Amino acid sequence: MKFSLRSKKRSAFLAIESAVLEEIKQLRSRLPHVHGVLVASIDGLVIAHDVSGFDPDTFAAMSAAQLGLGQQMAGVLPPGDFRECVTAATSGYVATFAAGDRALLAIVAGPELNVGRLHHEARPAAANVAALIAPPA
């Protein structure tokens, strides 16, 4: 019995991972100059990723820290929901988007990225990810 429960949980996780990977793939197809996309839990555990050239586990942990810091910084504003943090460097961008209250969507892109388009494409993708990983009602 215990094995079958684990098997069901594993199957459910694989289905979520597959759906999240499809969302990542669609986002990358709509957003040029992206070098990597990752979805992680808010505590920094990788759910799904399409990254190369850097460790996804480390990136997930750093993204969770960025999300938490951004949420704390947003606390000085009038009440509202945190949406995203964007870090700009001469070599590109790192953006972390809240995906509901359980996950995050992190994106690494080159300096030629159109940041307006990033927001336009990533916000709905983050909302889709939030819906995909939400616990069943």
C-alpha atoms as a PDB file:
ATOM      1  CA  MET A   1       0.000   0.000   0.000  1.00  0.00           C
ATOM      2  CA  LYS A   2       2.766   2.427   0.890  1.00  0.00           C
ATOM      3  CA  PHE A   3       4.485   1.755  -2.428  1.00  0.00           C
ATOM      4  CA  SER A   4       1.309   2.463  -4.382  1.00  0.00           C
ATOM      5  CA  LEU A   5       0.826   5.804  -2.600  1.00  0.00           C
ATOM      6  CA  ARG A   6       4.410   6.773  -3.448  1.00  0.00           C
ATOM      7  CA  SER A   7       3.833   5.635  -7.005  1.00  0.00           C
ATOM      8  CA  LYS A   8       0.726   7.843  -7.284  1.00  0.00           C
ATOM      9  CA  LYS A   9       2.590  10.822  -5.837  1.00  0.00           C
ATOM     10  CA  ARG A  10       5.488  10.241  -8.218  1.00  0.00           C
ATOM     11  CA  SER A  11       3.113  10.019 -11.188  1.00  0.00           C
ATOM     12  CA  ALA A  12       1.395  13.238 -10.134  1.00  0.00           C
ATOM     13  CA  PHE A  13       4.759  15.004  -9.794  1.00  0.00           C
ATOM     14  CA  LEU A  14       5.878  13.790 -13.239  1.00  0.00           C
ATOM     15  CA  ALA A  15       2.649  15.080 -14.774  1.00  0.00           C
ATOM     16  CA  ILE A  16       3.168  18.493 -13.150  1.00  0.00           C
ATOM     17  CA  GLU A  17       6.822  18.557 -14.196  1.00  0.00           C
ATOM     18  CA  SER A  18       5.871  17.737 -17.786  1.00  0.00           C
ATOM     19  CA  ALA A  19       3.232  20.484 -17.883  1.00  0.00           C
ATOM     20  CA  VAL A  20       5.633  23.019 -16.359  1.00  0.00           C
ATOM     21  CA  LEU A  21       8.348  22.068 -18.872  1.00  0.00           C
ATOM     22  CA  GLU A  22       5.845  22.667 -21.677  1.00  0.00           C
ATOM     23  CA  GLU A  23       5.089  26.124 -20.231  1.00  0.00           C
ATOM     24  CA  ILE A  24       8.844  26.834 -20.091  1.00  0.00           C
ATOM     25  CA  LYS A  25       9.215  25.716 -23.710  1.00  0.00           C
ATOM     26  CA  GLN A  26       6.353  27.959 -24.839  1.00  0.00           C
ATOM     27  CA  LEU A  27       7.774  30.931 -22.938  1.00  0.00           C
ATOM     28  CA  ARG A  28      11.201  30.451 -24.522  1.00  0.00           C
ATOM     29  CA  SER A  29       9.634  30.298 -27.984  1.00  0.00           C
ATOM     30  CA  ARG A  30       7.901  33.656 -27.405  1.00  0.00           C
ATOM     31  CA  LEU A  31      10.806  35.424 -25.707  1.00  0.00           C
ATOM     32  CA  PRO A  32      14.056  35.829 -27.666  1.00  0.00           C
ATOM     33  CA  HIS A  33      17.509  36.119 -26.068  1.00  0.00           C
ATOM     34  CA  VAL A  34      16.654  33.882 -23.089  1.00  0.00           C
ATOM     35  CA  HIS A  35      19.506  31.658 -21.898  1.00  0.00           C
ATOM     36  CA  GLY A  36      17.605  29.722 -19.254  1.00  0.00           C
ATOM     37  CA  VAL A  37      14.274  29.333 -17.482  1.00  0.00           C
ATOM     38  CA  LEU A  38      13.654  27.625 -14.180  1.00  0.00           C
ATOM     39  CA  VAL A  39      10.650  26.937 -11.977  1.00  0.00           C
ATOM     40  CA  ALA A  40      11.322  26.271  -8.309  1.00  0.00           C
ATOM     41  CA  SER A  41       9.486  26.102  -5.037  1.00  0.00           C
ATOM     42  CA  ILE A  42       9.690  29.188  -2.848  1.00  0.00           C
ATOM     43  CA  ASP A  43      12.198  27.352  -0.675  1.00  0.00           C
ATOM     44  CA  GLY A  44      14.552  26.904  -3.630  1.00  0.00           C
ATOM     45  CA  LEU A  45      13.902  23.338  -4.807  1.00  0.00           C
ATOM     46  CA  VAL A  46      13.892  22.822  -8.576  1.00  0.00           C
ATOM     47  CA  ILE A  47      10.539  21.784 -10.036  1.00  0.00           C
ATOM     48  CA  ALA A  48      11.545  21.998 -13.715  1.00  0.00           C
ATOM     49  CA  HIS A  49      14.195  23.781 -15.738  1.00  0.00           C
ATOM     50  CA  ASP A  50      15.677  24.436 -19.122  1.00  0.00           C
ATOM     51  CA  VAL A  51      19.089  25.860 -18.248  1.00  0.00           C
ATOM     52  CA  SER A  52      22.636  25.104 -19.281  1.00  0.00           C
ATOM     53  CA  GLY A  53      25.971  26.592 -18.362  1.00  0.00           C
ATOM     54  CA  PHE A  54      25.128  26.929 -14.668  1.00  0.00           C
ATOM     55  CA  ASP A  55      23.844  24.713 -11.882  1.00  0.00           C
ATOM     56  CA  PRO A  56      20.020  24.734 -11.706  1.00  0.00           C
ATOM     57  CA  ASP A  57      20.010  23.844  -7.992  1.00  0.00           C
ATOM     58  CA  THR A  58      22.201  26.816  -7.109  1.00  0.00           C
ATOM     59  CA  PHE A  59      20.188  29.084  -9.404  1.00  0.00           C
ATOM     60  CA  ALA A  60      16.932  27.898  -7.786  1.00  0.00           C
ATOM     61  CA  ALA A  61      18.277  28.631  -4.312  1.00  0.00           C
ATOM     62  CA  MET A  62      19.489  32.104  -5.333  1.00  0.00           C
ATOM     63  CA  SER A  63      16.171  32.821  -7.072  1.00  0.00           C
ATOM     64  CA  ALA A  64      14.256  31.870  -3.934  1.00  0.00           C
ATOM     65  CA  ALA A  65      16.455  34.245  -1.948  1.00  0.00           C
ATOM     66  CA  GLN A  66      15.842  37.000  -4.515  1.00  0.00           C
ATOM     67  CA  LEU A  67      12.095  36.352  -4.341  1.00  0.00           C
ATOM     68  CA  GLY A  68      12.118  36.549  -0.554  1.00  0.00           C
ATOM     69  CA  LEU A  69      14.171  39.721  -0.522  1.00  0.00           C
ATOM     70  CA  GLY A  70      11.940  41.282  -3.158  1.00  0.00           C
ATOM     71  CA  GLN A  71       8.854  40.422  -1.123  1.00  0.00           C
ATOM     72  CA  GLN A  72      10.414  42.061   1.933  1.00  0.00           C
ATOM     73  CA  MET A  73      11.378  45.161  -0.073  1.00  0.00           C
ATOM     74  CA  ALA A  74       7.831  45.399  -1.455  1.00  0.00           C
ATOM     75  CA  GLY A  75       6.632  45.498   2.147  1.00  0.00           C
ATOM     76  CA  VAL A  76       7.427  49.222   2.286  1.00  0.00           C
ATOM     77  CA  LEU A  77       4.751  49.814  -0.370  1.00  0.00           C
ATOM     78  CA  PRO A  78       1.014  49.981   0.260  1.00  0.00           C
ATOM     79  CA  PRO A  79      -0.546  46.498   0.557  1.00  0.00           C
ATOM     80  CA  GLY A  80      -0.523  44.440  -2.631  1.00  0.00           C
ATOM     81  CA  ASP A  81       0.858  41.286  -4.152  1.00  0.00           C
ATOM     82  CA  PHE A  82       4.536  40.980  -5.051  1.00  0.00           C
ATOM     83  CA  ARG A  83       5.067  40.307  -8.783  1.00  0.00           C
ATOM     84  CA  GLU A  84       8.738  40.258  -9.772  1.00  0.00           C
ATOM     85  CA  CYS A  85      12.350  41.344  -9.338  1.00  0.00           C
ATOM     86  CA  VAL A  86      14.590  42.146 -12.291  1.00  0.00           C
ATOM     87  CA  THR A  87      18.352  42.414 -11.931  1.00  0.00           C
ATOM     88  CA  ALA A  88      20.112  44.188 -14.803  1.00  0.00           C
ATOM     89  CA  ALA A  89      23.827  43.794 -15.483  1.00  0.00           C
ATOM     90  CA  THR A  90      25.996  44.769 -18.437  1.00  0.00           C
ATOM     91  CA  SER A  91      25.953  41.126 -19.540  1.00  0.00           C
ATOM     92  CA  GLY A  92      22.193  40.558 -19.253  1.00  0.00           C
ATOM     93  CA  TYR A  93      19.236  40.140 -16.953  1.00  0.00           C
ATOM     94  CA  VAL A  94      18.008  37.823 -14.248  1.00  0.00           C
ATOM     95  CA  ALA A  95      14.301  38.059 -13.465  1.00  0.00           C
ATOM     96  CA  THR A  96      12.367  36.268 -10.762  1.00  0.00           C
ATOM     97  CA  PHE A  97       8.567  36.182 -10.939  1.00  0.00           C
ATOM     98  CA  ALA A  98       6.224  34.989  -8.213  1.00  0.00           C
ATOM     99  CA  ALA A  99       4.234  31.989  -9.437  1.00  0.00           C
ATOM    100  CA  GLY A 100       1.494  32.036  -6.863  1.00  0.00           C
ATOM    101  CA  ASP A 101       2.478  31.622  -3.243  1.00  0.00           C
ATOM    102  CA  ARG A 102       4.244  28.261  -3.683  1.00  0.00           C
ATOM    103  CA  ALA A 103       6.673  28.734  -6.575  1.00  0.00           C
ATOM    104  CA  LEU A 104       8.735  31.076  -8.687  1.00  0.00           C
ATOM    105  CA  LEU A 105       9.693  31.454 -12.338  1.00  0.00           C
ATOM    106  CA  ALA A 106      13.269  32.607 -12.946  1.00  0.00           C
ATOM    107  CA  ILE A 107      14.679  33.738 -16.283  1.00  0.00           C
ATOM    108  CA  VAL A 108      18.241  34.457 -17.405  1.00  0.00           C
ATOM    109  CA  ALA A 109      18.606  36.500 -20.585  1.00  0.00           C
ATOM    110  CA  GLY A 110      21.173  38.386 -22.608  1.00  0.00           C
ATOM    111  CA  PRO A 111      21.581  42.172 -22.693  1.00  0.00           C
ATOM    112  CA  GLU A 112      19.571  42.454 -25.921  1.00  0.00           C
ATOM    113  CA  LEU A 113      16.398  41.309 -24.126  1.00  0.00           C
ATOM    114  CA  ASN A 114      13.392  43.612 -24.459  1.00  0.00           C
ATOM    115  CA  VAL A 115      12.418  44.040 -20.786  1.00  0.00           C
ATOM    116  CA  GLY A 116       8.898  45.199 -21.649  1.00  0.00           C
ATOM    117  CA  ARG A 117       8.370  42.005 -23.604  1.00  0.00           C
ATOM    118  CA  LEU A 118       9.837  40.038 -20.702  1.00  0.00           C
ATOM    119  CA  HIS A 119       7.102  41.371 -18.432  1.00  0.00           C
ATOM    120  CA  HIS A 120       4.430  40.886 -21.094  1.00  0.00           C
ATOM    121  CA  GLU A 121       5.338  37.226 -21.648  1.00  0.00           C
ATOM    122  CA  ALA A 122       6.559  36.094 -18.218  1.00  0.00           C
ATOM    123  CA  ARG A 123       3.713  37.394 -16.046  1.00  0.00           C
ATOM    124  CA  PRO A 124       1.080  35.177 -17.686  1.00  0.00           C
ATOM    125  CA  ALA A 125       3.555  32.273 -17.768  1.00  0.00           C
ATOM    126  CA  ALA A 126       4.085  32.648 -14.008  1.00  0.00           C
ATOM    127  CA  ALA A 127       0.304  32.646 -13.503  1.00  0.00           C
ATOM    128  CA  ASN A 128       0.032  29.480 -15.603  1.00  0.00           C
ATOM    129  CA  VAL A 129       2.775  27.816 -13.550  1.00  0.00           C
ATOM    130  CA  ALA A 130       0.950  28.785 -10.350  1.00  0.00           C
ATOM    131  CA  ALA A 131      -2.199  27.117 -11.653  1.00  0.00           C
ATOM    132  CA  LEU A 132      -0.298  23.987 -12.680  1.00  0.00           C
ATOM    133  CA  ILE A 133       1.287  23.435  -9.280  1.00  0.00           C
ATOM    134  CA  ALA A 134      -1.698  24.468  -7.151  1.00  0.00           C
ATOM    135  CA  PRO A 135      -2.924  21.679  -4.899  1.00  0.00           C
ATOM    136  CA  PRO A 136      -6.152  20.031  -6.037  1.00  0.00           C
ATOM    137  CA  ALA A 137      -9.256  21.693  -4.645  1.00  0.00           C
END
